[in-house]
Amino acid sequence: MSGATLLLCTALAFAGLATLALSLDRHHRVALRGPVPQGRTRPLRVAGWAGILLSFGAAIALDGWNFGPVLATGAVTAAALAVAVCLTYRPGWLRPAALAALPLAAACLPFALAP
């Protein structure tokens, strides 16, 4: 496991969990100052679960079945803590932080793939 792999999985999990949080009416109202539009809940949930599954898949692909699930669990835990802190103290920052996590994950990918 490298630091780039851990950062890649955590960034993907953060984007997924933040998207899942924004699919809930309570968090959407606080973060974006308005209710979730009628047709947006399902796409947000699908995108959120896709981010978490991508994080798990990246952990398995990069570290194998021996250590990958452990890495994925740690990444999701760290990302959940970061989403909770963001929602508690700066809810308006959740959407920009989730959007910034995706280019960060893309930037970490070449380093994670390097031998």
PDB file of N, CA and C in Angstrom:
ATOM      1  N   MET A   1       0.841  -1.180   0.000  1.00  0.00           N
ATOM      2  CA  MET A   1       0.000   0.000   0.000  1.00  0.00           C
ATOM      3  C   MET A   1       0.887   1.244   0.000  1.00  0.00           C
ATOM      4  N   SER A   2       0.536   2.164  -0.842  1.00  0.00           N
ATOM      5  CA  SER A   2       1.252   3.426  -0.887  1.00  0.00           C
ATOM      6  C   SER A   2       0.328   4.541  -0.421  1.00  0.00           C
ATOM      7  N   GLY A   3       0.904   5.683  -0.166  1.00  0.00           N
ATOM      8  CA  GLY A   3       0.102   6.836   0.236  1.00  0.00           C
ATOM      9  C   GLY A   3      -0.834   7.291  -0.861  1.00  0.00           C
ATOM     10  N   ALA A   4      -0.390   7.140  -2.114  1.00  0.00           N
ATOM     11  CA  ALA A   4      -1.235   7.533  -3.242  1.00  0.00           C
ATOM     12  C   ALA A   4      -2.462   6.634  -3.346  1.00  0.00           C
ATOM     13  N   THR A   5      -2.292   5.348  -3.061  1.00  0.00           N
ATOM     14  CA  THR A   5      -3.421   4.421  -3.087  1.00  0.00           C
ATOM     15  C   THR A   5      -4.429   4.777  -1.994  1.00  0.00           C
ATOM     16  N   LEU A   6      -3.922   5.060  -0.824  1.00  0.00           N
ATOM     17  CA  LEU A   6      -4.805   5.441   0.277  1.00  0.00           C
ATOM     18  C   LEU A   6      -5.538   6.747  -0.025  1.00  0.00           C
ATOM     19  N   LEU A   7      -4.836   7.714  -0.574  1.00  0.00           N
ATOM     20  CA  LEU A   7      -5.463   8.989  -0.913  1.00  0.00           C
ATOM     21  C   LEU A   7      -6.484   8.827  -2.037  1.00  0.00           C
ATOM     22  N   LEU A   8      -6.174   7.987  -3.023  1.00  0.00           N
ATOM     23  CA  LEU A   8      -7.111   7.708  -4.113  1.00  0.00           C
ATOM     24  C   LEU A   8      -8.403   7.105  -3.576  1.00  0.00           C
ATOM     25  N   CYS A   9      -8.294   6.082  -2.761  1.00  0.00           N
ATOM     26  CA  CYS A   9      -9.489   5.416  -2.220  1.00  0.00           C
ATOM     27  C   CYS A   9     -10.269   6.333  -1.292  1.00  0.00           C
ATOM     28  N   THR A  10      -9.590   7.123  -0.492  1.00  0.00           N
ATOM     29  CA  THR A  10     -10.266   8.033   0.418  1.00  0.00           C
ATOM     30  C   THR A  10     -10.978   9.144  -0.347  1.00  0.00           C
ATOM     31  N   ALA A  11     -10.350   9.669  -1.386  1.00  0.00           N
ATOM     32  CA  ALA A  11     -10.990  10.727  -2.185  1.00  0.00           C
ATOM     33  C   ALA A  11     -12.237  10.203  -2.891  1.00  0.00           C
ATOM     34  N   LEU A  12     -12.175   9.000  -3.431  1.00  0.00           N
ATOM     35  CA  LEU A  12     -13.353   8.418  -4.074  1.00  0.00           C
ATOM     36  C   LEU A  12     -14.467   8.158  -3.060  1.00  0.00           C
ATOM     37  N   ALA A  13     -14.086   7.646  -1.897  1.00  0.00           N
ATOM     38  CA  ALA A  13     -15.087   7.398  -0.860  1.00  0.00           C
ATOM     39  C   ALA A  13     -15.683   8.703  -0.350  1.00  0.00           C
ATOM     40  N   PHE A  14     -14.868   9.747  -0.223  1.00  0.00           N
ATOM     41  CA  PHE A  14     -15.378  11.040   0.222  1.00  0.00           C
ATOM     42  C   PHE A  14     -16.384  11.596  -0.772  1.00  0.00           C
ATOM     43  N   ALA A  15     -16.063  11.524  -2.052  1.00  0.00           N
ATOM     44  CA  ALA A  15     -16.990  12.024  -3.069  1.00  0.00           C
ATOM     45  C   ALA A  15     -18.293  11.229  -3.036  1.00  0.00           C
ATOM     46  N   GLY A  16     -18.194   9.924  -2.869  1.00  0.00           N
ATOM     47  CA  GLY A  16     -19.389   9.101  -2.802  1.00  0.00           C
ATOM     48  C   GLY A  16     -20.238   9.378  -1.577  1.00  0.00           C
ATOM     49  N   LEU A  17     -19.605   9.471  -0.429  1.00  0.00           N
ATOM     50  CA  LEU A  17     -20.354   9.723   0.803  1.00  0.00           C
ATOM     51  C   LEU A  17     -20.935  11.132   0.834  1.00  0.00           C
ATOM     52  N   ALA A  18     -20.222  12.086   0.296  1.00  0.00           N
ATOM     53  CA  ALA A  18     -20.760  13.448   0.234  1.00  0.00           C
ATOM     54  C   ALA A  18     -21.978  13.501  -0.683  1.00  0.00           C
ATOM     55  N   THR A  19     -21.917  12.771  -1.787  1.00  0.00           N
ATOM     56  CA  THR A  19     -23.053  12.718  -2.698  1.00  0.00           C
ATOM     57  C   THR A  19     -24.246  12.031  -2.038  1.00  0.00           C
ATOM     58  N   LEU A  20     -23.982  10.963  -1.306  1.00  0.00           N
ATOM     59  CA  LEU A  20     -25.066  10.302  -0.568  1.00  0.00           C
ATOM     60  C   LEU A  20     -25.663  11.236   0.475  1.00  0.00           C
ATOM     61  N   ALA A  21     -24.821  12.010   1.151  1.00  0.00           N
ATOM     62  CA  ALA A  21     -25.328  12.955   2.140  1.00  0.00           C
ATOM     63  C   ALA A  21     -26.188  14.023   1.483  1.00  0.00           C
ATOM     64  N   LEU A  22     -25.784  14.483   0.310  1.00  0.00           N
ATOM     65  CA  LEU A  22     -26.567  15.507  -0.388  1.00  0.00           C
ATOM     66  C   LEU A  22     -27.866  14.965  -0.969  1.00  0.00           C
ATOM     67  N   SER A  23     -27.993  13.647  -1.045  1.00  0.00           N
ATOM     68  CA  SER A  23     -29.260  13.079  -1.507  1.00  0.00           C
ATOM     69  C   SER A  23     -30.321  13.087  -0.411  1.00  0.00           C
ATOM     70  N   LEU A  24     -29.918  13.317   0.829  1.00  0.00           N
ATOM     71  CA  LEU A  24     -30.864  13.412   1.942  1.00  0.00           C
ATOM     72  C   LEU A  24     -31.356  14.848   2.068  1.00  0.00           C
ATOM     73  N   ASP A  25     -32.636  14.993   2.255  1.00  0.00           N
ATOM     74  CA  ASP A  25     -33.247  16.327   2.266  1.00  0.00           C
ATOM     75  C   ASP A  25     -32.657  17.216   3.353  1.00  0.00           C
ATOM     76  N   ARG A  26     -32.426  16.652   4.531  1.00  0.00           N
ATOM     77  CA  ARG A  26     -31.906  17.449   5.646  1.00  0.00           C
ATOM     78  C   ARG A  26     -30.532  18.048   5.327  1.00  0.00           C
ATOM     79  N   HIS A  27     -29.635  17.223   4.831  1.00  0.00           N
ATOM     80  CA  HIS A  27     -28.289  17.713   4.528  1.00  0.00           C
ATOM     81  C   HIS A  27     -28.292  18.601   3.289  1.00  0.00           C
ATOM     82  N   HIS A  28     -29.144  18.299   2.342  1.00  0.00           N
ATOM     83  CA  HIS A  28     -29.233  19.121   1.131  1.00  0.00           C
ATOM     84  C   HIS A  28     -29.719  20.522   1.479  1.00  0.00           C
ATOM     85  N   ARG A  29     -30.701  20.613   2.374  1.00  0.00           N
ATOM     86  CA  ARG A  29     -31.202  21.929   2.799  1.00  0.00           C
ATOM     87  C   ARG A  29     -30.115  22.753   3.480  1.00  0.00           C
ATOM     88  N   VAL A  30     -29.323  22.113   4.320  1.00  0.00           N
ATOM     89  CA  VAL A  30     -28.281  22.840   5.055  1.00  0.00           C
ATOM     90  C   VAL A  30     -27.125  23.222   4.130  1.00  0.00           C
ATOM     91  N   ALA A  31     -26.693  22.289   3.282  1.00  0.00           N
ATOM     92  CA  ALA A  31     -25.514  22.539   2.459  1.00  0.00           C
ATOM     93  C   ALA A  31     -25.809  23.448   1.274  1.00  0.00           C
ATOM     94  N   LEU A  32     -26.962  23.271   0.640  1.00  0.00           N
ATOM     95  CA  LEU A  32     -27.256  24.020  -0.577  1.00  0.00           C
ATOM     96  C   LEU A  32     -28.409  24.994  -0.419  1.00  0.00           C
ATOM     97  N   ARG A  33     -28.904  25.142   0.796  1.00  0.00           N
ATOM     98  CA  ARG A  33     -29.949  26.104   1.134  1.00  0.00           C
ATOM     99  C   ARG A  33     -31.223  25.931   0.310  1.00  0.00           C
ATOM    100  N   GLY A  34     -31.641  24.689   0.173  1.00  0.00           N
ATOM    101  CA  GLY A  34     -32.884  24.427  -0.527  1.00  0.00           C
ATOM    102  C   GLY A  34     -33.202  22.943  -0.505  1.00  0.00           C
ATOM    103  N   PRO A  35     -34.450  22.582  -0.744  1.00  0.00           N
ATOM    104  CA  PRO A  35     -34.802  21.160  -0.740  1.00  0.00           C
ATOM    105  C   PRO A  35     -34.248  20.442  -1.976  1.00  0.00           C
ATOM    106  N   VAL A  36     -34.173  19.133  -1.871  1.00  0.00           N
ATOM    107  CA  VAL A  36     -33.727  18.330  -3.007  1.00  0.00           C
ATOM    108  C   VAL A  36     -34.796  18.402  -4.088  1.00  0.00           C
ATOM    109  N   PRO A  37     -34.437  18.790  -5.311  1.00  0.00           N
ATOM    110  CA  PRO A  37     -35.437  18.784  -6.382  1.00  0.00           C
ATOM    111  C   PRO A  37     -36.009  17.379  -6.610  1.00  0.00           C
ATOM    112  N   GLN A  38     -37.192  17.338  -7.128  1.00  0.00           N
ATOM    113  CA  GLN A  38     -37.968  16.100  -7.224  1.00  0.00           C
ATOM    114  C   GLN A  38     -37.215  14.949  -7.885  1.00  0.00           C
ATOM    115  N   GLY A  39     -36.586  15.164  -9.004  1.00  0.00           N
ATOM    116  CA  GLY A  39     -35.951  14.062  -9.721  1.00  0.00           C
ATOM    117  C   GLY A  39     -34.478  13.872  -9.436  1.00  0.00           C
ATOM    118  N   ARG A  40     -33.936  14.525  -8.437  1.00  0.00           N
ATOM    119  CA  ARG A  40     -32.497  14.470  -8.211  1.00  0.00           C
ATOM    120  C   ARG A  40     -32.068  13.456  -7.158  1.00  0.00           C
ATOM    121  N   THR A  41     -32.977  12.950  -6.353  1.00  0.00           N
ATOM    122  CA  THR A  41     -32.596  12.049  -5.265  1.00  0.00           C
ATOM    123  C   THR A  41     -31.975  10.754  -5.782  1.00  0.00           C
ATOM    124  N   ARG A  42     -32.636  10.110  -6.710  1.00  0.00           N
ATOM    125  CA  ARG A  42     -32.130   8.823  -7.214  1.00  0.00           C
ATOM    126  C   ARG A  42     -30.772   8.959  -7.907  1.00  0.00           C
ATOM    127  N   PRO A  43     -30.555   9.934  -8.804  1.00  0.00           N
ATOM    128  CA  PRO A  43     -29.213  10.060  -9.403  1.00  0.00           C
ATOM    129  C   PRO A  43     -28.119  10.349  -8.374  1.00  0.00           C
ATOM    130  N   LEU A  44     -28.435  11.133  -7.349  1.00  0.00           N
ATOM    131  CA  LEU A  44     -27.443  11.394  -6.310  1.00  0.00           C
ATOM    132  C   LEU A  44     -27.093  10.115  -5.555  1.00  0.00           C
ATOM    133  N   ARG A  45     -28.103   9.303  -5.259  1.00  0.00           N
ATOM    134  CA  ARG A  45     -27.827   8.047  -4.554  1.00  0.00           C
ATOM    135  C   ARG A  45     -27.027   7.084  -5.420  1.00  0.00           C
ATOM    136  N   VAL A  46     -27.365   7.007  -6.683  1.00  0.00           N
ATOM    137  CA  VAL A  46     -26.618   6.121  -7.593  1.00  0.00           C
ATOM    138  C   VAL A  46     -25.167   6.587  -7.706  1.00  0.00           C
ATOM    139  N   ALA A  47     -24.960   7.880  -7.852  1.00  0.00           N
ATOM    140  CA  ALA A  47     -23.591   8.412  -7.941  1.00  0.00           C
ATOM    141  C   ALA A  47     -22.825   8.191  -6.639  1.00  0.00           C
ATOM    142  N   GLY A  48     -23.505   8.334  -5.517  1.00  0.00           N
ATOM    143  CA  GLY A  48     -22.846   8.112  -4.224  1.00  0.00           C
ATOM    144  C   GLY A  48     -22.394   6.674  -4.049  1.00  0.00           C
ATOM    145  N   TRP A  49     -23.278   5.729  -4.347  1.00  0.00           N
ATOM    146  CA  TRP A  49     -22.902   4.325  -4.231  1.00  0.00           C
ATOM    147  C   TRP A  49     -21.835   3.954  -5.259  1.00  0.00           C
ATOM    148  N   ALA A  50     -21.878   4.585  -6.422  1.00  0.00           N
ATOM    149  CA  ALA A  50     -20.848   4.324  -7.426  1.00  0.00           C
ATOM    150  C   ALA A  50     -19.479   4.780  -6.926  1.00  0.00           C
ATOM    151  N   GLY A  51     -19.427   5.910  -6.239  1.00  0.00           N
ATOM    152  CA  GLY A  51     -18.163   6.380  -5.681  1.00  0.00           C
ATOM    153  C   GLY A  51     -17.606   5.439  -4.631  1.00  0.00           C
ATOM    154  N   ILE A  52     -18.485   4.925  -3.776  1.00  0.00           N
ATOM    155  CA  ILE A  52     -18.033   3.992  -2.745  1.00  0.00           C
ATOM    156  C   ILE A  52     -17.562   2.687  -3.382  1.00  0.00           C
ATOM    157  N   LEU A  53     -18.301   2.201  -4.370  1.00  0.00           N
ATOM    158  CA  LEU A  53     -17.893   0.968  -5.050  1.00  0.00           C
ATOM    159  C   LEU A  53     -16.596   1.157  -5.838  1.00  0.00           C
ATOM    160  N   LEU A  54     -16.407   2.333  -6.434  1.00  0.00           N
ATOM    161  CA  LEU A  54     -15.134   2.614  -7.113  1.00  0.00           C
ATOM    162  C   LEU A  54     -13.970   2.623  -6.128  1.00  0.00           C
ATOM    163  N   SER A  55     -14.212   3.163  -4.951  1.00  0.00           N
ATOM    164  CA  SER A  55     -13.179   3.161  -3.919  1.00  0.00           C
ATOM    165  C   SER A  55     -12.818   1.733  -3.516  1.00  0.00           C
ATOM    166  N   PHE A  56     -13.838   0.906  -3.319  1.00  0.00           N
ATOM    167  CA  PHE A  56     -13.597  -0.486  -2.957  1.00  0.00           C
ATOM    168  C   PHE A  56     -12.888  -1.221  -4.093  1.00  0.00           C
ATOM    169  N   GLY A  57     -13.338  -0.989  -5.316  1.00  0.00           N
ATOM    170  CA  GLY A  57     -12.716  -1.642  -6.467  1.00  0.00           C
ATOM    171  C   GLY A  57     -11.266  -1.228  -6.662  1.00  0.00           C
ATOM    172  N   ALA A  58     -10.986   0.047  -6.445  1.00  0.00           N
ATOM    173  CA  ALA A  58      -9.598   0.515  -6.568  1.00  0.00           C
ATOM    174  C   ALA A  58      -8.718  -0.116  -5.497  1.00  0.00           C
ATOM    175  N   ALA A  59      -9.242  -0.243  -4.292  1.00  0.00           N
ATOM    176  CA  ALA A  59      -8.462  -0.857  -3.210  1.00  0.00           C
ATOM    177  C   ALA A  59      -8.154  -2.319  -3.527  1.00  0.00           C
ATOM    178  N   ILE A  60      -9.143  -3.036  -4.045  1.00  0.00           N
ATOM    179  CA  ILE A  60      -8.930  -4.443  -4.388  1.00  0.00           C
ATOM    180  C   ILE A  60      -7.966  -4.565  -5.573  1.00  0.00           C
ATOM    181  N   ALA A  61      -8.147  -3.717  -6.585  1.00  0.00           N
ATOM    182  CA  ALA A  61      -7.293  -3.797  -7.773  1.00  0.00           C
ATOM    183  C   ALA A  61      -5.844  -3.442  -7.462  1.00  0.00           C
ATOM    184  N   LEU A  62      -5.628  -2.498  -6.578  1.00  0.00           N
ATOM    185  CA  LEU A  62      -4.264  -2.034  -6.314  1.00  0.00           C
ATOM    186  C   LEU A  62      -3.556  -2.815  -5.213  1.00  0.00           C
ATOM    187  N   ASP A  63      -4.315  -3.348  -4.246  1.00  0.00           N
ATOM    188  CA  ASP A  63      -3.683  -4.052  -3.127  1.00  0.00           C
ATOM    189  C   ASP A  63      -4.097  -5.505  -2.996  1.00  0.00           C
ATOM    190  N   GLY A  64      -4.970  -5.986  -3.862  1.00  0.00           N
ATOM    191  CA  GLY A  64      -5.357  -7.387  -3.824  1.00  0.00           C
ATOM    192  C   GLY A  64      -6.389  -7.681  -2.743  1.00  0.00           C
ATOM    193  N   TRP A  65      -6.802  -8.937  -2.717  1.00  0.00           N
ATOM    194  CA  TRP A  65      -7.841  -9.341  -1.763  1.00  0.00           C
ATOM    195  C   TRP A  65      -7.302  -9.515  -0.350  1.00  0.00           C
ATOM    196  N   ASN A  66      -5.995  -9.561  -0.168  1.00  0.00           N
ATOM    197  CA  ASN A  66      -5.448  -9.713   1.185  1.00  0.00           C
ATOM    198  C   ASN A  66      -5.563  -8.433   1.993  1.00  0.00           C
ATOM    199  N   PHE A  67      -5.179  -7.316   1.410  1.00  0.00           N
ATOM    200  CA  PHE A  67      -5.176  -6.058   2.144  1.00  0.00           C
ATOM    201  C   PHE A  67      -6.185  -5.048   1.610  1.00  0.00           C
ATOM    202  N   GLY A  68      -6.713  -5.263   0.425  1.00  0.00           N
ATOM    203  CA  GLY A  68      -7.648  -4.331  -0.197  1.00  0.00           C
ATOM    204  C   GLY A  68      -8.899  -4.036   0.625  1.00  0.00           C
ATOM    205  N   PRO A  69      -9.589  -5.057   1.155  1.00  0.00           N
ATOM    206  CA  PRO A  69     -10.772  -4.758   1.970  1.00  0.00           C
ATOM    207  C   PRO A  69     -10.453  -3.953   3.232  1.00  0.00           C
ATOM    208  N   VAL A  70      -9.294  -4.184   3.799  1.00  0.00           N
ATOM    209  CA  VAL A  70      -8.890  -3.405   4.976  1.00  0.00           C
ATOM    210  C   VAL A  70      -8.665  -1.954   4.581  1.00  0.00           C
ATOM    211  N   LEU A  71      -7.989  -1.744   3.466  1.00  0.00           N
ATOM    212  CA  LEU A  71      -7.760  -0.397   2.964  1.00  0.00           C
ATOM    213  C   LEU A  71      -9.074   0.300   2.645  1.00  0.00           C
ATOM    214  N   ALA A  72     -10.001  -0.418   2.004  1.00  0.00           N
ATOM    215  CA  ALA A  72     -11.295   0.171   1.647  1.00  0.00           C
ATOM    216  C   ALA A  72     -12.090   0.550   2.894  1.00  0.00           C
ATOM    217  N   THR A  73     -12.061  -0.294   3.904  1.00  0.00           N
ATOM    218  CA  THR A  73     -12.773   0.011   5.152  1.00  0.00           C
ATOM    219  C   THR A  73     -12.184   1.244   5.830  1.00  0.00           C
ATOM    220  N   GLY A  74     -10.877   1.332   5.863  1.00  0.00           N
ATOM    221  CA  GLY A  74     -10.235   2.506   6.447  1.00  0.00           C
ATOM    222  C   GLY A  74     -10.508   3.776   5.659  1.00  0.00           C
ATOM    223  N   ALA A  75     -10.511   3.656   4.330  1.00  0.00           N
ATOM    224  CA  ALA A  75     -10.770   4.827   3.490  1.00  0.00           C
ATOM    225  C   ALA A  75     -12.195   5.325   3.670  1.00  0.00           C
ATOM    226  N   VAL A  76     -13.155   4.409   3.723  1.00  0.00           N
ATOM    227  CA  VAL A  76     -14.554   4.810   3.918  1.00  0.00           C
ATOM    228  C   VAL A  76     -14.741   5.409   5.314  1.00  0.00           C
ATOM    229  N   THR A  77     -14.071   4.867   6.305  1.00  0.00           N
ATOM    230  CA  THR A  77     -14.169   5.416   7.657  1.00  0.00           C
ATOM    231  C   THR A  77     -13.605   6.829   7.728  1.00  0.00           C
ATOM    232  N   ALA A  78     -12.434   7.042   7.131  1.00  0.00           N
ATOM    233  CA  ALA A  78     -11.834   8.378   7.124  1.00  0.00           C
ATOM    234  C   ALA A  78     -12.695   9.364   6.345  1.00  0.00           C
ATOM    235  N   ALA A  79     -13.238   8.913   5.225  1.00  0.00           N
ATOM    236  CA  ALA A  79     -14.087   9.782   4.413  1.00  0.00           C
ATOM    237  C   ALA A  79     -15.383  10.123   5.151  1.00  0.00           C
ATOM    238  N   ALA A  80     -15.951   9.152   5.862  1.00  0.00           N
ATOM    239  CA  ALA A  80     -17.169   9.424   6.629  1.00  0.00           C
ATOM    240  C   ALA A  80     -16.909  10.439   7.730  1.00  0.00           C
ATOM    241  N   LEU A  81     -15.763  10.342   8.371  1.00  0.00           N
ATOM    242  CA  LEU A  81     -15.409  11.329   9.391  1.00  0.00           C
ATOM    243  C   LEU A  81     -15.251  12.716   8.774  1.00  0.00           C
ATOM    244  N   ALA A  82     -14.621  12.787   7.615  1.00  0.00           N
ATOM    245  CA  ALA A  82     -14.433  14.081   6.949  1.00  0.00           C
ATOM    246  C   ALA A  82     -15.772  14.679   6.507  1.00  0.00           C
ATOM    247  N   VAL A  83     -16.682  13.845   6.008  1.00  0.00           N
ATOM    248  CA  VAL A  83     -18.008  14.341   5.616  1.00  0.00           C
ATOM    249  C   VAL A  83     -18.770  14.824   6.847  1.00  0.00           C
ATOM    250  N   ALA A  84     -18.686  14.085   7.945  1.00  0.00           N
ATOM    251  CA  ALA A  84     -19.386  14.487   9.169  1.00  0.00           C
ATOM    252  C   ALA A  84     -18.847  15.809   9.707  1.00  0.00           C
ATOM    253  N   VAL A  85     -17.537  15.976   9.686  1.00  0.00           N
ATOM    254  CA  VAL A  85     -16.943  17.229  10.158  1.00  0.00           C
ATOM    255  C   VAL A  85     -17.345  18.377   9.238  1.00  0.00           C
ATOM    256  N   CYS A  86     -17.332  18.136   7.957  1.00  0.00           N
ATOM    257  CA  CYS A  86     -17.718  19.173   7.001  1.00  0.00           C
ATOM    258  C   CYS A  86     -19.185  19.563   7.184  1.00  0.00           C
ATOM    259  N   LEU A  87     -20.063  18.585   7.371  1.00  0.00           N
ATOM    260  CA  LEU A  87     -21.484  18.892   7.576  1.00  0.00           C
ATOM    261  C   LEU A  87     -21.725  19.599   8.896  1.00  0.00           C
ATOM    262  N   THR A  88     -20.899  19.318   9.885  1.00  0.00           N
ATOM    263  CA  THR A  88     -21.088  19.933  11.198  1.00  0.00           C
ATOM    264  C   THR A  88     -20.610  21.377  11.229  1.00  0.00           C
ATOM    265  N   TYR A  89     -19.431  21.634  10.700  1.00  0.00           N
ATOM    266  CA  TYR A  89     -18.834  22.953  10.852  1.00  0.00           C
ATOM    267  C   TYR A  89     -18.964  23.853   9.625  1.00  0.00           C
ATOM    268  N   ARG A  90     -18.863  23.326   8.442  1.00  0.00           N
ATOM    269  CA  ARG A  90     -18.956  24.115   7.220  1.00  0.00           C
ATOM    270  C   ARG A  90     -19.797  23.377   6.184  1.00  0.00           C
ATOM    271  N   PRO A  91     -21.112  23.308   6.352  1.00  0.00           N
ATOM    272  CA  PRO A  91     -21.934  22.532   5.415  1.00  0.00           C
ATOM    273  C   PRO A  91     -21.908  23.081   3.991  1.00  0.00           C
ATOM    274  N   GLY A  92     -21.675  24.348   3.824  1.00  0.00           N
ATOM    275  CA  GLY A  92     -21.615  24.917   2.487  1.00  0.00           C
ATOM    276  C   GLY A  92     -20.404  24.461   1.696  1.00  0.00           C
ATOM    277  N   TRP A  93     -19.406  23.932   2.375  1.00  0.00           N
ATOM    278  CA  TRP A  93     -18.192  23.481   1.711  1.00  0.00           C
ATOM    279  C   TRP A  93     -18.295  22.045   1.210  1.00  0.00           C
ATOM    280  N   LEU A  94     -19.379  21.341   1.533  1.00  0.00           N
ATOM    281  CA  LEU A  94     -19.456  19.921   1.193  1.00  0.00           C
ATOM    282  C   LEU A  94     -19.459  19.689  -0.314  1.00  0.00           C
ATOM    283  N   ARG A  95     -20.274  20.426  -1.036  1.00  0.00           N
ATOM    284  CA  ARG A  95     -20.344  20.238  -2.488  1.00  0.00           C
ATOM    285  C   ARG A  95     -19.019  20.582  -3.171  1.00  0.00           C
ATOM    286  N   PRO A  96     -18.401  21.749  -2.885  1.00  0.00           N
ATOM    287  CA  PRO A  96     -17.099  22.020  -3.514  1.00  0.00           C
ATOM    288  C   PRO A  96     -16.018  21.014  -3.122  1.00  0.00           C
ATOM    289  N   ALA A  97     -16.057  20.541  -1.872  1.00  0.00           N
ATOM    290  CA  ALA A  97     -15.055  19.559  -1.447  1.00  0.00           C
ATOM    291  C   ALA A  97     -15.247  18.238  -2.181  1.00  0.00           C
ATOM    292  N   ALA A  98     -16.497  17.833  -2.376  1.00  0.00           N
ATOM    293  CA  ALA A  98     -16.759  16.590  -3.109  1.00  0.00           C
ATOM    294  C   ALA A  98     -16.327  16.723  -4.565  1.00  0.00           C
ATOM    295  N   LEU A  99     -16.575  17.873  -5.149  1.00  0.00           N
ATOM    296  CA  LEU A  99     -16.146  18.097  -6.534  1.00  0.00           C
ATOM    297  C   LEU A  99     -14.625  18.174  -6.654  1.00  0.00           C
ATOM    298  N   ALA A 100     -13.961  18.672  -5.618  1.00  0.00           N
ATOM    299  CA  ALA A 100     -12.497  18.740  -5.636  1.00  0.00           C
ATOM    300  C   ALA A 100     -11.869  17.373  -5.388  1.00  0.00           C
ATOM    301  N   ALA A 101     -12.597  16.477  -4.742  1.00  0.00           N
ATOM    302  CA  ALA A 101     -12.050  15.148  -4.458  1.00  0.00           C
ATOM    303  C   ALA A 101     -11.870  14.329  -5.730  1.00  0.00           C
ATOM    304  N   LEU A 102     -12.696  14.565  -6.736  1.00  0.00           N
ATOM    305  CA  LEU A 102     -12.587  13.778  -7.966  1.00  0.00           C
ATOM    306  C   LEU A 102     -11.306  14.070  -8.749  1.00  0.00           C
ATOM    307  N   PRO A 103     -10.928  15.345  -8.985  1.00  0.00           N
ATOM    308  CA  PRO A 103      -9.631  15.584  -9.640  1.00  0.00           C
ATOM    309  C   PRO A 103      -8.445  15.137  -8.780  1.00  0.00           C
ATOM    310  N   LEU A 104      -8.600  15.219  -7.468  1.00  0.00           N
ATOM    311  CA  LEU A 104      -7.534  14.728  -6.578  1.00  0.00           C
ATOM    312  C   LEU A 104      -7.343  13.223  -6.771  1.00  0.00           C
ATOM    313  N   ALA A 105      -8.458  12.493  -6.860  1.00  0.00           N
ATOM    314  CA  ALA A 105      -8.364  11.053  -7.100  1.00  0.00           C
ATOM    315  C   ALA A 105      -7.734  10.769  -8.457  1.00  0.00           C
ATOM    316  N   ALA A 106      -8.105  11.542  -9.466  1.00  0.00           N
ATOM    317  CA  ALA A 106      -7.529  11.349 -10.799  1.00  0.00           C
ATOM    318  C   ALA A 106      -6.029  11.659 -10.796  1.00  0.00           C
ATOM    319  N   ALA A 107      -5.625  12.656 -10.005  1.00  0.00           N
ATOM    320  CA  ALA A 107      -4.197  12.991  -9.930  1.00  0.00           C
ATOM    321  C   ALA A 107      -3.405  11.921  -9.192  1.00  0.00           C
ATOM    322  N   CYS A 108      -4.034  11.228  -8.251  1.00  0.00           N
ATOM    323  CA  CYS A 108      -3.350  10.180  -7.486  1.00  0.00           C
ATOM    324  C   CYS A 108      -3.236   8.873  -8.254  1.00  0.00           C
ATOM    325  N   LEU A 109      -4.091   8.687  -9.256  1.00  0.00           N
ATOM    326  CA  LEU A 109      -4.123   7.408  -9.970  1.00  0.00           C
ATOM    327  C   LEU A 109      -2.789   7.018 -10.597  1.00  0.00           C
ATOM    328  N   PRO A 110      -2.078   7.899 -11.314  1.00  0.00           N
ATOM    329  CA  PRO A 110      -0.783   7.460 -11.885  1.00  0.00           C
ATOM    330  C   PRO A 110       0.238   7.063 -10.821  1.00  0.00           C
ATOM    331  N   PHE A 111       0.212   7.753  -9.680  1.00  0.00           N
ATOM    332  CA  PHE A 111       1.159   7.409  -8.616  1.00  0.00           C
ATOM    333  C   PHE A 111       0.791   6.090  -7.950  1.00  0.00           C
ATOM    334  N   ALA A 112      -0.496   5.825  -7.860  1.00  0.00           N
ATOM    335  CA  ALA A 112      -0.940   4.569  -7.261  1.00  0.00           C
ATOM    336  C   ALA A 112      -0.637   3.375  -8.175  1.00  0.00           C
ATOM    337  N   LEU A 113      -0.653   3.599  -9.483  1.00  0.00           N
ATOM    338  CA  LEU A 113      -0.378   2.528 -10.433  1.00  0.00           C
ATOM    339  C   LEU A 113       1.116   2.276 -10.629  1.00  0.00           C
ATOM    340  N   ALA A 114       1.942   3.237 -10.259  1.00  0.00           N
ATOM    341  CA  ALA A 114       3.387   3.102 -10.428  1.00  0.00           C
ATOM    342  C   ALA A 114       3.910   1.967  -9.526  1.00  0.00           C
ATOM    343  N   PRO A 115       4.867   1.181 -10.035  1.00  0.00           N
ATOM    344  CA  PRO A 115       5.382   0.058  -9.225  1.00  0.00           C
ATOM    345  C   PRO A 115       6.240   0.464  -8.075  1.00  0.00           C
TER     346      PRO A 115
END
